[in-house]
């Protein structure tokens, strides 16, 4: 019997019937993917897409986000959302109560590249690939077509990998701006900041920072250290957290921040058990040099 249960979190995809050629698929897919990039994205019209359709399945979908800019925590200006589409909102999924037909399908291979993607002002190089992403073509009784995602499970787990890399100097400069903002909230002005990052192994990074701050005519130094490590069981531990100053006035102003750090000391995150069924993190690797990179493999 046909599966006519209500469908949930359906992404609108025009009117039925479903696409039958690769060209038709891309014509419908491009505006949907551009909207999915969201309102904090600028230059989304630079994104490039290519796909092959094989019956109900998408044999491959390639997404190239080179040159796209992402603004963290704010709406982008001049993006396709604020101009061509006249809205700053990504498309909303919907629930379909009256399902007329449902057809199983698989996105056999998804690849996302960006060389680079600009996150704030940091050029981030991204390579990501996933295989076996299941979904369903859903038609409702009004003739509307949608895509219903199917969560991976233990019988059909997610397989793939992702590598994210950025120039060390650009990351440090962005960190400098963020630290300056936080210190300003404490009534301090950041005069200088030196950051040292070192790899303690393939899954461990230690940060040491030395800042000089001002409070009126007062000048003082602040030291910070932190280590993040992922063990063989894919458990992330944050340790060796320290934020200190030899100046008693500055040390007093840092009390609240030190209290938050104390809560994080020794905190552990199980990167495997906290993931949904069917998503199995097999390995994580960290590279520290002129380029900072994190690689994750799912299997």
Foldseek 3Di string as FASTA:
>chain_A
DFDFAKFPQWAFQFFDDDDDFQVVCCVRVVVLVLLVVAQQKAPSVPKDWGWGDDGPETAEIEIEQAPMEGEPPDGDPHHCQVPVVNHRHRDGGGMAHAWPHKAKYWRAKYWYFYCFYHYPNWTKTKTKMKGTFIWMWTAGPVRTITIGGDDAAQVGFIFIKMKIKTFPVVVVVVVVVVVQVVVVVLQKGWPDKDWDWDAPDFFKIKIWMKTWIDRVPDIWIKIWIKMWGQDQQRKIFIAPTDIDTPDVVVRVSCVVVVVVVVVRHGDIDRPAVVDDHRWGWNDWGWDDDSMTMIMTTTD
